[in-house]
Protein backbone atom coordinates (compact mmCIF):
# COMPACT_ATOMS: atom_id res chain seq x y z
CA UNK A 1 -43.86 40.03 -19.88
CA UNK A 2 -43.27 42.20 -17.05
CA UNK A 3 -41.00 41.31 -13.92
CA UNK A 4 -44.24 40.58 -11.84
CA UNK A 5 -46.10 38.87 -14.40
CA UNK A 6 -42.93 36.53 -14.94
CA UNK A 7 -42.56 36.03 -11.28
CA UNK A 8 -46.28 35.15 -10.98
CA UNK A 9 -46.26 32.67 -13.45
CA UNK A 10 -43.45 30.87 -12.14
CA UNK A 11 -45.33 30.85 -8.91
CA UNK A 12 -48.40 29.38 -10.50
CA UNK A 13 -49.63 25.94 -8.85
CA UNK A 14 -50.13 24.55 -12.29
CA UNK A 15 -47.03 22.47 -13.45
CA UNK A 16 -46.91 21.05 -16.85
CA UNK A 17 -46.72 17.16 -16.73
CA UNK A 18 -44.89 14.88 -19.17
CA UNK A 19 -46.51 12.64 -21.81
CA UNK A 20 -46.04 9.12 -21.72
CA UNK A 21 -43.55 8.91 -24.50
CA UNK A 22 -41.23 11.96 -22.81
CA UNK A 23 -41.12 9.63 -19.66
CA UNK A 24 -39.85 6.87 -21.54
CA UNK A 25 -37.59 9.24 -23.39
CA UNK A 26 -36.53 10.51 -20.20
CA UNK A 27 -35.91 7.17 -18.91
CA UNK A 28 -33.69 6.17 -21.71
CA UNK A 29 -31.30 9.17 -21.84
CA UNK A 30 -31.00 9.36 -18.02
CA UNK A 31 -30.12 5.71 -18.00
CA UNK A 32 -27.37 6.26 -20.39
CA UNK A 33 -25.94 9.30 -18.71
CA UNK A 34 -25.98 7.30 -15.37
CA UNK A 35 -24.10 4.58 -16.89
CA UNK A 36 -21.81 7.06 -18.27
CA UNK A 37 -21.27 8.39 -14.66
CA UNK A 38 -20.42 5.24 -13.26
CA UNK A 39 -17.73 4.49 -15.84
CA UNK A 40 -15.81 7.40 -14.61
CA UNK A 41 -15.20 6.08 -11.03
CA UNK A 42 -16.08 2.14 -11.54
CA UNK A 43 -12.44 1.25 -12.08
CA UNK A 44 -10.73 3.33 -9.62
CA UNK A 45 -10.87 0.64 -6.54
CA UNK A 46 -10.12 -2.25 -8.95
CA UNK A 47 -6.92 -0.91 -10.54
CA UNK A 48 -4.42 -2.56 -8.62
CA UNK A 49 -6.46 -5.70 -8.88
CA UNK A 50 -6.33 -5.32 -12.59
CA UNK A 51 -2.85 -4.28 -12.70
CA UNK A 52 -1.73 -7.72 -11.07
CA UNK A 53 -4.50 -9.90 -13.27
CA UNK A 54 -3.00 -8.11 -16.73
CA UNK A 55 0.61 -7.67 -15.80
CA UNK A 56 0.89 -3.40 -15.70
CA UNK A 57 3.67 -1.93 -14.02
CA UNK A 58 2.85 0.13 -11.15
CA UNK A 59 3.93 3.27 -13.04
CA UNK A 60 1.82 2.59 -15.78
CA UNK A 61 -1.38 1.83 -14.18
CA UNK A 62 -2.57 5.22 -14.11
CA UNK A 63 -2.95 5.18 -17.76
CA UNK A 64 -6.04 2.81 -17.37
CA UNK A 65 -7.89 6.18 -15.75
CA UNK A 66 -5.92 8.66 -17.96
CA UNK A 67 -6.64 7.18 -21.40
CA UNK A 68 -10.36 7.37 -20.74
CA UNK A 69 -10.20 10.87 -19.41
CA UNK A 70 -7.99 11.96 -22.33
CA UNK A 71 -10.65 11.07 -24.85
CA UNK A 72 -13.83 11.72 -22.97
CA UNK A 73 -12.72 15.19 -22.14
CA UNK A 74 -10.53 16.19 -25.29
CA UNK A 75 -13.27 15.23 -27.96
CA UNK A 76 -16.44 16.08 -26.15
CA UNK A 77 -16.87 19.63 -27.56
CA UNK A 78 -15.74 18.40 -31.14
CA UNK A 79 -18.38 15.41 -30.99
CA UNK A 80 -21.07 18.16 -29.52
CA UNK A 81 -20.81 20.10 -32.81
CA UNK A 82 -20.95 17.15 -35.05
CA UNK A 83 -24.34 16.01 -32.87
CA UNK A 84 -25.62 19.32 -34.10
CA UNK A 85 -24.45 19.19 -37.77
CA UNK A 86 -25.15 15.49 -38.41
CA UNK A 87 -27.68 14.29 -36.35
CA UNK A 88 -27.84 13.77 -32.56
CA UNK A 89 -29.56 10.45 -32.42
CA UNK A 90 -27.28 9.09 -35.05
CA UNK A 91 -24.22 10.21 -33.01
CA UNK A 92 -25.78 8.85 -30.02
CA UNK A 93 -26.50 5.55 -31.40
CA UNK A 94 -23.06 5.34 -32.82
CA UNK A 95 -21.47 6.08 -29.29
CA UNK A 96 -23.81 3.53 -27.80
CA UNK A 97 -22.61 0.98 -30.13
CA UNK A 98 -18.89 1.82 -29.44
CA UNK A 99 -19.40 1.79 -25.77
CA UNK A 100 -20.81 -1.62 -25.92
CA UNK A 101 -18.21 -3.00 -28.15
CA UNK A 102 -15.19 -1.41 -26.46
CA UNK A 103 -16.65 -2.56 -22.82
CA UNK A 104 -16.86 -6.09 -24.13
CA UNK A 105 -13.07 -6.01 -25.24
CA UNK A 106 -12.24 -4.30 -21.96
CA UNK A 107 -13.61 -7.32 -20.09
CA UNK A 108 -12.26 -9.56 -22.25
CA UNK A 109 -8.73 -8.05 -22.14
CA UNK A 110 -5.67 -10.26 -22.11
CA UNK A 111 -2.98 -7.93 -21.74
CA UNK A 112 -2.29 -4.30 -21.08
CA UNK A 113 -2.26 -2.98 -24.86
CA UNK A 114 -5.85 -4.31 -25.44
CA UNK A 115 -7.41 -3.22 -22.20
CA UNK A 116 -5.86 0.71 -22.96
CA UNK A 117 -7.23 0.22 -26.41
CA UNK A 118 -10.74 -0.28 -25.05
CA UNK A 119 -10.26 2.24 -22.63
CA UNK A 120 -9.56 4.72 -25.19
CA UNK A 121 -12.71 3.70 -27.31
CA UNK A 122 -14.65 3.81 -24.16
CA UNK A 123 -13.42 7.52 -23.63
CA UNK A 124 -14.41 8.52 -27.11
CA UNK A 125 -17.84 6.82 -27.07
CA UNK A 126 -18.58 8.83 -23.74
CA UNK A 127 -17.59 12.02 -25.58
CA UNK A 128 -19.91 10.99 -28.30
CA UNK A 129 -22.95 9.92 -26.23
CA UNK A 130 -22.87 12.58 -23.26
CA UNK A 131 -23.10 15.92 -25.32
CA UNK A 132 -25.47 14.20 -27.86
CA UNK A 133 -27.50 12.57 -25.30
CA UNK A 134 -27.74 16.05 -23.28
CA UNK A 135 -28.76 17.95 -26.70
CA UNK A 136 -31.58 15.33 -27.20
CA UNK A 137 -32.76 15.95 -23.64
CA UNK A 138 -32.64 19.57 -23.87
CA UNK A 139 -34.46 19.52 -27.19
CA UNK A 140 -37.26 17.00 -25.94
CA UNK A 141 -38.52 19.19 -23.42
CA UNK A 142 -39.17 22.81 -24.08
CA UNK A 143 -37.35 25.58 -22.07
CA UNK A 144 -39.17 25.73 -18.75
CA UNK A 145 -40.18 23.68 -15.77
CA UNK A 146 -40.10 20.52 -17.97
CA UNK A 147 -36.46 21.01 -19.16
CA UNK A 148 -35.68 22.29 -15.49
CA UNK A 149 -37.17 19.25 -14.17
CA UNK A 150 -35.29 16.89 -16.77
CA UNK A 151 -32.15 18.53 -15.90
CA UNK A 152 -32.41 18.40 -12.27
CA UNK A 153 -33.01 14.83 -12.26
CA UNK A 154 -30.07 14.12 -14.69
CA UNK A 155 -27.66 16.01 -12.66
CA UNK A 156 -28.82 14.19 -9.53
CA UNK A 157 -28.41 10.78 -11.27
CA UNK A 158 -24.66 11.94 -12.59
CA UNK A 159 -23.67 12.73 -9.44
CA UNK A 160 -25.23 9.62 -7.75
CA UNK A 161 -23.53 7.53 -10.61
CA UNK A 162 -20.03 8.83 -9.69
CA UNK A 163 -20.48 7.54 -5.99
CA UNK A 164 -22.30 4.31 -7.21
CA UNK A 165 -19.65 3.58 -9.35
CA UNK A 166 -16.77 3.44 -6.69
CA UNK A 167 -19.43 1.53 -4.48
CA UNK A 168 -20.21 -0.97 -7.60
CA UNK A 169 -16.63 -1.23 -8.59
CA UNK A 170 -15.54 -2.45 -5.26
CA UNK A 171 -18.43 -5.09 -4.79
CA UNK A 172 -18.15 -6.39 -8.40
CA UNK A 173 -14.38 -7.06 -8.19
CA UNK A 174 -14.65 -8.47 -4.45
CA UNK A 175 -17.57 -10.86 -5.36
CA UNK A 176 -16.93 -11.65 -9.22
CA UNK A 177 -14.14 -10.16 -11.06
CA UNK A 178 -13.01 -6.63 -12.09
CA UNK A 179 -13.93 -7.78 -15.65
CA UNK A 180 -17.79 -7.38 -14.67
CA UNK A 181 -16.86 -3.65 -14.30
CA UNK A 182 -16.65 -3.75 -18.10
CA UNK A 183 -19.43 -6.30 -18.94
CA UNK A 184 -22.09 -4.31 -16.87
CA UNK A 185 -21.97 -1.80 -19.76
CA UNK A 186 -22.87 -4.32 -22.64
CA UNK A 187 -26.62 -5.10 -22.06
CA UNK A 188 -26.99 -1.59 -20.88
CA UNK A 189 -25.77 -0.45 -24.37
CA UNK A 190 -27.60 -2.65 -26.12
CA UNK A 191 -30.97 -1.66 -24.58
CA UNK A 192 -30.29 1.56 -25.52
CA UNK A 193 -29.57 0.88 -29.15
CA UNK A 194 -32.80 -1.19 -29.20
CA UNK A 195 -34.98 1.42 -27.80
CA UNK A 196 -33.67 4.87 -28.94
CA UNK A 197 -34.69 4.43 -32.45
CA UNK A 198 -38.20 4.41 -31.54
CA UNK A 199 -38.58 6.51 -28.85
CA UNK A 200 -36.00 9.54 -30.09
CA UNK A 201 -36.66 11.39 -33.44
CA UNK A 202 -33.66 12.58 -35.37
CA UNK A 203 -32.82 16.25 -34.95
CA UNK A 204 -30.29 17.85 -37.66
CA UNK A 205 -30.27 20.90 -39.49
CA UNK A 206 -31.89 21.14 -43.07
CA UNK A 207 -28.87 22.21 -44.74
CA UNK A 208 -25.70 20.87 -44.65
CA UNK A 209 -22.84 23.24 -43.07
CA UNK A 210 -19.12 22.33 -43.43
CA UNK A 211 -17.08 21.02 -40.61
CA UNK A 212 -14.56 23.73 -39.36
CA UNK A 213 -11.38 21.42 -39.68
CA UNK A 214 -9.14 24.24 -38.42
CA UNK A 215 -10.88 24.90 -35.39
CA UNK A 216 -11.75 21.19 -34.63
CA UNK A 217 -7.67 20.37 -34.68
CA UNK A 218 -6.94 23.10 -32.39
CA UNK A 219 -9.27 22.86 -29.66
CA UNK A 220 -9.35 18.65 -29.77
CA UNK A 221 -5.64 19.09 -29.41
CA UNK A 222 -5.44 21.95 -26.98
CA UNK A 223 -7.91 20.05 -24.46
CA UNK A 224 -6.01 16.89 -24.90
CA UNK A 225 -2.62 18.59 -24.23
CA UNK A 226 -4.45 20.21 -21.01
CA UNK A 227 -6.05 17.21 -19.78
CA UNK A 228 -2.65 15.37 -20.18
CA UNK A 229 -1.01 18.22 -18.34
CA UNK A 230 -3.33 18.05 -15.68
CA UNK A 231 -3.46 14.35 -15.01
CA UNK A 232 0.59 14.31 -15.34
CA UNK A 233 0.51 17.01 -12.55
CA UNK A 234 -1.41 14.85 -10.10
CA UNK A 235 1.33 12.22 -11.00
CA UNK A 236 4.44 13.73 -11.12
CA UNK A 237 3.97 17.29 -9.89
CA UNK A 238 3.60 20.95 -11.53
CA UNK A 239 7.27 21.68 -12.43
CA UNK A 240 7.52 18.05 -14.39
CA UNK A 241 8.78 19.06 -17.82
CA UNK A 242 5.97 16.96 -19.28
CA UNK A 243 3.29 18.57 -17.25
CA UNK A 244 4.78 22.14 -18.15
CA UNK A 245 5.50 21.27 -22.03
CA UNK A 246 1.79 20.15 -22.24
CA UNK A 247 0.00 23.19 -20.48
CA UNK A 248 2.24 25.46 -22.88
CA UNK A 249 0.93 23.50 -25.78
CA UNK A 250 -2.55 23.74 -24.47
CA UNK A 251 -2.40 27.57 -24.07
CA UNK A 252 -0.90 27.90 -27.80
CA UNK A 253 -3.29 25.73 -29.19
CA UNK A 254 -6.33 27.19 -27.52
CA UNK A 255 -5.08 30.68 -28.24
CA UNK A 256 -4.81 29.71 -32.01
CA UNK A 257 -8.53 28.08 -31.79
CA UNK A 258 -9.76 31.70 -30.53
CA UNK A 259 -8.23 33.53 -33.66
CA UNK A 260 -9.21 30.67 -36.14
CA UNK A 261 -12.99 30.80 -35.00
CA UNK A 262 -12.58 34.87 -35.30
CA UNK A 263 -11.78 34.31 -39.04
CA UNK A 264 -13.90 30.89 -40.00
CA UNK A 265 -16.98 31.24 -42.10
CA UNK A 266 -18.69 28.40 -40.39
CA UNK A 267 -16.89 28.29 -36.72
CA UNK A 268 -16.95 25.35 -34.87
CA UNK A 269 -17.85 27.15 -31.73
CA UNK A 270 -19.36 30.47 -32.82
CA UNK A 271 -17.94 33.64 -30.65
CA UNK A 272 -21.26 35.13 -30.17
CA UNK A 273 -22.25 32.15 -28.41
CA UNK A 274 -19.19 32.35 -25.82
CA UNK A 275 -19.63 35.76 -25.13
CA UNK A 276 -23.25 35.36 -23.84
CA UNK A 277 -23.06 35.89 -20.15
CA UNK A 278 -25.31 32.56 -19.61
CA UNK A 279 -22.69 30.59 -21.62
CA UNK A 280 -19.46 31.97 -20.32
CA UNK A 281 -20.52 32.45 -16.64
CA UNK A 282 -22.42 29.49 -16.56
CA UNK A 283 -19.62 27.23 -17.49
CA UNK A 284 -17.30 28.82 -15.12
CA UNK A 285 -19.66 28.25 -12.28
CA UNK A 286 -20.01 24.63 -13.59
CA UNK A 287 -16.14 24.29 -13.59
CA UNK A 288 -15.87 25.50 -9.99
CA UNK A 289 -18.88 22.97 -8.76
CA UNK A 290 -17.22 19.90 -10.72
CA UNK A 291 -13.67 21.00 -9.36
CA UNK A 292 -14.58 21.62 -5.63
CA UNK A 293 -16.94 18.60 -5.15
CA UNK A 294 -14.63 15.84 -7.14
CA UNK A 295 -11.59 17.20 -5.18
CA UNK A 296 -13.38 17.23 -2.13
CA UNK A 297 -13.83 13.69 -2.26
CA UNK A 298 -10.33 12.99 -2.81
CA UNK A 299 -9.31 14.86 0.17
CA UNK A 300 -11.94 12.86 2.33
CA UNK A 301 -11.04 9.60 1.09
CA UNK A 302 -7.31 10.52 2.12
CA UNK A 303 -8.48 11.74 5.40
CA UNK A 304 -10.74 8.39 6.23
CA UNK A 305 -8.46 6.01 5.10
CA UNK A 306 -5.08 7.69 6.13
CA UNK A 307 -6.10 9.56 9.41
CA UNK A 308 -9.11 7.56 10.64
CA UNK A 309 -7.92 4.09 9.17
CA UNK A 310 -11.17 3.05 7.18
CA UNK A 311 -11.19 0.60 4.54
CA UNK A 312 -11.92 1.43 0.95
CA UNK A 313 -15.41 -0.39 0.97
CA UNK A 314 -16.17 1.50 4.32
CA UNK A 315 -14.95 4.95 2.96
CA UNK A 316 -16.96 4.24 -0.40
CA UNK A 317 -20.20 3.82 1.81
CA UNK A 318 -19.65 6.83 3.85
CA UNK A 319 -19.62 9.05 0.40
CA UNK A 320 -23.20 7.03 -0.04
CA UNK A 321 -24.46 10.11 2.09
CA UNK A 322 -22.88 12.68 -0.10
CA UNK A 323 -24.75 10.75 -3.03
CA UNK A 324 -28.03 11.16 -1.18
CA UNK A 325 -27.50 14.61 -0.72
CA UNK A 326 -26.94 15.26 -4.19
CA UNK A 327 -30.14 13.25 -5.34
CA UNK A 328 -31.99 15.22 -2.87
CA UNK A 329 -30.82 18.48 -4.21
CA UNK A 330 -31.15 17.27 -7.97
CA UNK A 331 -35.30 16.69 -7.16
CA UNK A 332 -35.44 20.24 -5.23
CA UNK A 333 -33.63 22.24 -7.67
CA UNK A 334 -36.13 22.25 -10.59
CA UNK A 335 -38.73 23.31 -7.48
CA UNK A 336 -36.79 26.31 -6.67
CA UNK A 337 -36.00 27.05 -10.12
CA UNK A 338 -39.63 27.14 -11.02
CA UNK A 339 -40.30 30.12 -8.18
CA UNK A 340 -36.64 31.96 -8.87
CA UNK A 341 -33.95 31.67 -11.40
CA UNK A 342 -30.97 29.98 -12.25
CA UNK A 343 -28.71 32.92 -10.89
CA UNK A 344 -30.36 32.61 -7.56
CA UNK A 345 -30.11 28.70 -7.69
CA UNK A 346 -26.49 28.61 -8.78
CA UNK A 347 -25.35 31.32 -5.68
CA UNK A 348 -27.76 29.50 -3.15
CA UNK A 349 -26.16 26.32 -3.91
CA UNK A 350 -22.68 27.70 -3.77
CA UNK A 351 -23.34 29.33 -0.38
CA UNK A 352 -24.57 26.06 1.14
CA UNK A 353 -21.52 23.96 -0.40
CA UNK A 354 -19.03 26.73 0.90
CA UNK A 355 -20.62 26.54 4.34
CA UNK A 356 -20.69 22.96 4.45
CA UNK A 357 -17.23 22.63 3.06
CA UNK A 358 -15.75 25.22 5.63
CA UNK A 359 -16.81 23.10 8.51
CA UNK A 360 -14.95 20.17 7.60
CA UNK A 361 -12.02 22.08 8.85
CA UNK A 362 -13.34 21.39 12.25
CA UNK A 363 -12.38 17.43 11.64
CA UNK A 364 -10.13 15.83 14.01
CA UNK A 365 -7.92 12.53 14.06
CA UNK A 366 -10.39 10.45 15.94
CA UNK A 367 -13.29 8.71 14.77
CA UNK A 368 -15.73 10.98 16.65
CA UNK A 369 -15.65 13.35 13.59
CA UNK A 370 -17.30 10.94 11.24
CA UNK A 371 -20.88 12.38 12.40
CA UNK A 372 -19.49 16.05 11.30
CA UNK A 373 -18.16 14.43 7.84
CA UNK A 374 -21.57 12.87 6.97
CA UNK A 375 -23.42 15.56 7.84
CA UNK A 376 -21.35 18.15 6.12
CA UNK A 377 -20.91 15.99 3.02
CA UNK A 378 -24.87 15.63 2.97
CA UNK A 379 -25.51 19.38 3.09
CA UNK A 380 -22.74 20.30 0.77
CA UNK A 381 -23.71 17.49 -1.75
CA UNK A 382 -27.13 19.25 -1.74
CA UNK A 383 -25.81 22.43 -2.38
CA UNK A 384 -23.20 21.46 -4.99
CA UNK A 385 -26.19 19.69 -6.79
CA UNK A 386 -28.35 22.95 -6.71
CA UNK A 387 -25.13 24.71 -8.22
CA UNK A 388 -24.95 22.32 -11.00
CA UNK A 389 -28.38 22.20 -11.95
CA UNK A 390 -28.38 25.92 -11.98
CA UNK A 391 -25.30 25.78 -14.31
CA UNK A 392 -26.81 23.31 -16.72
CA UNK A 393 -30.02 25.44 -16.95
CA UNK A 394 -27.94 28.81 -17.61
CA UNK A 395 -25.32 27.07 -20.14
CA UNK A 396 -28.42 25.54 -22.41
CA UNK A 397 -30.81 28.75 -21.79
CA UNK A 398 -31.58 30.97 -24.69
CA UNK A 399 -29.98 28.93 -27.29
CA UNK A 400 -31.64 27.72 -30.38
CA UNK A 401 -32.49 23.93 -30.93
CA UNK A 402 -29.68 24.16 -33.72
CA UNK A 403 -26.95 24.85 -30.86
CA UNK A 404 -28.07 22.65 -28.31
CA UNK A 405 -25.30 20.14 -29.43
CA UNK A 406 -22.58 22.95 -28.75
CA UNK A 407 -24.21 24.24 -25.81
CA UNK A 408 -24.09 20.78 -24.23
CA UNK A 409 -20.87 20.03 -25.32
CA UNK A 410 -19.53 22.92 -23.83
CA UNK A 411 -21.26 22.11 -20.62
CA UNK A 412 -19.75 18.71 -20.89
CA UNK A 413 -16.36 19.55 -21.68
CA UNK A 414 -16.52 22.01 -18.44
CA UNK A 415 -17.67 19.18 -16.33
CA UNK A 416 -14.87 17.01 -17.23
CA UNK A 417 -12.34 19.63 -16.96
CA UNK A 418 -13.22 20.28 -13.42
CA UNK A 419 -13.40 16.52 -12.48
CA UNK A 420 -9.74 16.62 -13.97
CA UNK A 421 -8.39 19.88 -12.51
CA UNK A 422 -9.42 19.24 -9.05
CA UNK A 423 -7.34 16.25 -7.76
CA UNK A 424 -4.04 17.64 -8.78
CA UNK A 425 -4.86 21.26 -7.80
CA UNK A 426 -6.09 20.12 -4.05
CA UNK A 427 -3.30 17.54 -4.04
CA UNK A 428 -0.62 20.08 -4.43
CA UNK A 429 -2.18 22.13 -1.61
CA UNK A 430 -2.51 19.34 0.77
CA UNK A 431 1.27 18.34 -0.02
CA UNK A 432 2.06 22.00 0.62
CA UNK A 433 0.23 21.85 3.94
CA UNK A 434 2.05 18.41 4.96
CA UNK A 435 5.46 20.12 4.02
CA UNK A 436 7.88 21.26 7.04
CA UNK A 437 6.68 18.44 9.56
CA UNK A 438 2.80 19.08 9.10
CA UNK A 439 0.45 15.92 9.29
CA UNK A 440 -2.07 14.51 6.84
CA UNK A 441 -4.76 16.36 8.72
CA UNK A 442 -2.90 19.57 8.31
CA UNK A 443 -2.30 19.06 4.48
CA UNK A 444 -6.28 18.00 4.10
CA UNK A 445 -7.27 20.82 6.25
CA UNK A 446 -5.35 23.61 4.15
CA UNK A 447 -7.09 22.24 1.06
CA UNK A 448 -10.53 22.17 2.56
CA UNK A 449 -10.14 25.89 3.15
CA UNK A 450 -8.99 26.70 -0.37
CA UNK A 451 -11.71 24.35 -1.20
CA UNK A 452 -14.17 26.49 0.51
CA UNK A 453 -12.91 29.73 -0.62
CA UNK A 454 -13.25 28.75 -4.20
CA UNK A 455 -16.81 27.86 -3.94
CA UNK A 456 -17.47 31.19 -2.36
CA UNK A 457 -15.81 32.84 -4.80
CA UNK A 458 -17.78 31.58 -7.40
CA UNK A 459 -20.93 32.03 -5.67
CA UNK A 460 -19.97 35.84 -5.54
CA UNK A 461 -18.72 36.13 -9.12
CA UNK A 462 -21.73 34.44 -10.57
CA UNK A 463 -24.33 36.84 -8.85
CA UNK A 464 -22.23 39.88 -9.69
CA UNK A 465 -21.40 39.14 -13.49
CA UNK A 466 -24.65 37.56 -14.46
CA UNK A 467 -26.41 40.42 -13.21
CA UNK A 468 -24.35 42.80 -14.50
CA UNK A 469 -24.32 41.32 -18.08
CA UNK A 470 -28.15 39.92 -17.94
CA UNK A 471 -29.41 43.32 -19.85
CA UNK A 472 -26.33 43.59 -22.10
CA UNK A 473 -26.84 42.70 -25.97
CA UNK A 474 -25.89 38.99 -26.59
């Protein structure tokens, strides 16, 4: 097909429609991903209450979040490949069962140990369900407009889930108990377990392939060390011995993983996949998109509560505007993709996000700045979601169904690493801006400028290198 024919096909008014079964599959998988996104943030506002209720020491309170993040990010690539090799529906169901049981255990916890074990299990369940669910989503819809629409809705609901989690966590904790932040998962997981076998067909290769154990051990260990080092940096600083030691171990293990994969007969991650421009540059774009937007929420939380004096609940409600922007972006992105391509959507999204983020440098120390913040976060959330949908389409395009678990595992790993990396990096920049007598607003402004610069650089790099590598052999 020529370029003109391809453009004409994309601009055709005829849009393929989903079957009734596909709509049910979409509701099931998107609902599951939305629930997992809520889990990332639902406990944040409840941490002090949980600590008081179960007797956590203040220094150990962060482990409620860290235990989850370590497993969710560290094991996602491994489970993405396991889904390809042994069955995506099977892994999805196993993960949902584990999520329901661990959420029940977390809600019934009577001491810190029981709660942390439940959080580890929730993290493992998330690492199982997220790549398996995304792979089922991409293989349920053929590459093109239907898949783009499904990924756009998925991105919108995931982003909305992070915002909803913060608001829902506050409401449940204030009105009922922090335990309902766990219990709410149980009926949803049960419903998914009941519906999935009838709606979703199993997908796994006809021939059995041996698992690359050396690759699995090295990459999982490397990711665990990386996430721990980044999390520790947020708590204790970048020069803390545990931070530096963990990051060094992470680098060594990930380098070892690269050499293991070069020699493996059946590699966990074929290097030919990593060398594809859509996978490598698409995932880099995704890393920047998640790193910048999640860390911007942290910076603006600091601004709203410390500089302007708003409550935690008011701050959460203010971010509802950002969530609305991401939902609009997720709905609009597939329509733009139908007339363009993922490289254009990525760079346009980054451009919009960078401009909106840079405008936040104008925030002042009085509440009249709230209007600017709300407009900028809505526009920035819209642009960020364009970039996220473009990233998901790029990272999963051009690969056979047999490698969709790997592709979605890489994309999920990218997402979770971006979420983990953003806060310690921007926190360090903000702290540096406050040094030498600078105010909190000075620190936030410095970090906002760096954040905007990162977004702009992501857009430029994506445009240049996806274009230059698009015609290279893969």
